[in-house]
Structure formats: structure tokens, C-alpha cells
């Protein structure tokens, strides 16, 4: 049981003192980049799906 408690204490100490957390501005900027990239990828997949659907319906 002591080993488990020691491990949990070390994990807590690492999260509080050794991890470099991003600032709020960095977090917002990264979130915007991820959202924009997700929308762009979704649009590309939509275009590819519509093109392949049109090609298949043209062939058959």
C-alpha cells in the first residue's frame, strides 16, 4: 500500500511542479488551429466522397 501511495504522490508532484502547462493564449491558439484543420479535412473528405459517388453513378 505504501508503494501505491508513494507513486500517487510522485504523480501529483510531477503534475504540479515538473509539467510545463501552456498559457491561456497558447491553448486558445492551438484549439483554433485544430478546429480549422478539422474543418478543412472534413471538406476535403466531403469533396472526395461526392466525386467518387458521381464517378460510380456515371459508370453504373
Protein backbone atom coordinates (compact mmCIF):
# COMPACT_ATOMS: atom_id res chain seq x y z
CA UNK A 1 0.00 0.00 0.00
CA UNK A 2 2.92 2.32 0.74
CA UNK A 3 4.25 1.87 -2.79
CA UNK A 4 0.90 2.87 -4.28
CA UNK A 5 0.64 5.97 -2.10
CA UNK A 6 4.24 6.91 -2.92
CA UNK A 7 3.54 6.51 -6.64
CA UNK A 8 0.41 8.67 -6.42
CA UNK A 9 2.33 11.37 -4.52
CA UNK A 10 5.07 11.34 -7.17
CA UNK A 11 2.48 11.64 -9.93
CA UNK A 12 0.85 14.60 -8.16
CA UNK A 13 4.21 16.31 -7.60
CA UNK A 14 5.15 15.83 -11.25
CA UNK A 15 1.88 17.33 -12.47
CA UNK A 16 2.18 20.31 -10.15
CA UNK A 17 5.89 21.12 -10.41
CA UNK A 18 7.54 19.45 -13.42
CA UNK A 19 4.95 19.77 -16.20
CA UNK A 20 5.01 22.97 -18.23
CA UNK A 21 1.40 23.89 -18.86
CA UNK A 22 0.53 26.16 -21.80
CA UNK A 23 -0.70 29.67 -21.20
CA UNK A 24 -4.34 30.52 -21.92
CA UNK A 25 -3.38 32.30 -25.17
CA UNK A 26 -1.35 29.31 -26.37
CA UNK A 27 -4.22 26.99 -25.52
CA UNK A 28 -6.75 29.10 -27.44
CA UNK A 29 -4.42 29.41 -30.44
CA UNK A 30 -3.81 25.65 -30.55
CA UNK A 31 -7.53 24.95 -30.26
CA UNK A 32 -8.29 27.28 -33.17
CA UNK A 33 -5.63 25.58 -35.31
CA UNK A 34 -7.10 22.14 -34.54
CA UNK A 35 -10.66 23.32 -35.29
CA UNK A 36 -9.67 24.91 -38.62
CA UNK A 37 -7.65 21.86 -39.66
CA UNK A 38 -10.59 19.59 -38.77
CA UNK A 39 -12.97 21.64 -40.92
CA UNK A 40 -10.54 21.65 -43.85
CA UNK A 41 -10.06 17.88 -43.64
CA UNK A 42 -13.83 17.36 -43.41
CA UNK A 43 -14.36 19.47 -46.54
CA UNK A 44 -11.67 17.53 -48.43
CA UNK A 45 -13.28 14.22 -47.44
CA UNK A 46 -16.71 15.54 -48.48
CA UNK A 47 -15.41 16.58 -51.91
CA UNK A 48 -13.69 13.22 -52.40
CA UNK A 49 -16.87 11.39 -51.37
CA UNK A 50 -19.06 13.41 -53.73
CA UNK A 51 -16.58 12.97 -56.59
CA UNK A 52 -16.35 9.21 -56.10
CA UNK A 53 -20.14 8.97 -55.79
CA UNK A 54 -20.55 10.88 -59.05
CA UNK A 55 -17.97 8.72 -60.79
CA UNK A 56 -19.59 5.49 -59.64
CA UNK A 57 -23.07 6.67 -60.67
CA UNK A 58 -21.66 7.71 -64.07
CA UNK A 59 -20.07 4.30 -64.63
CA UNK A 60 -23.07 2.25 -63.45
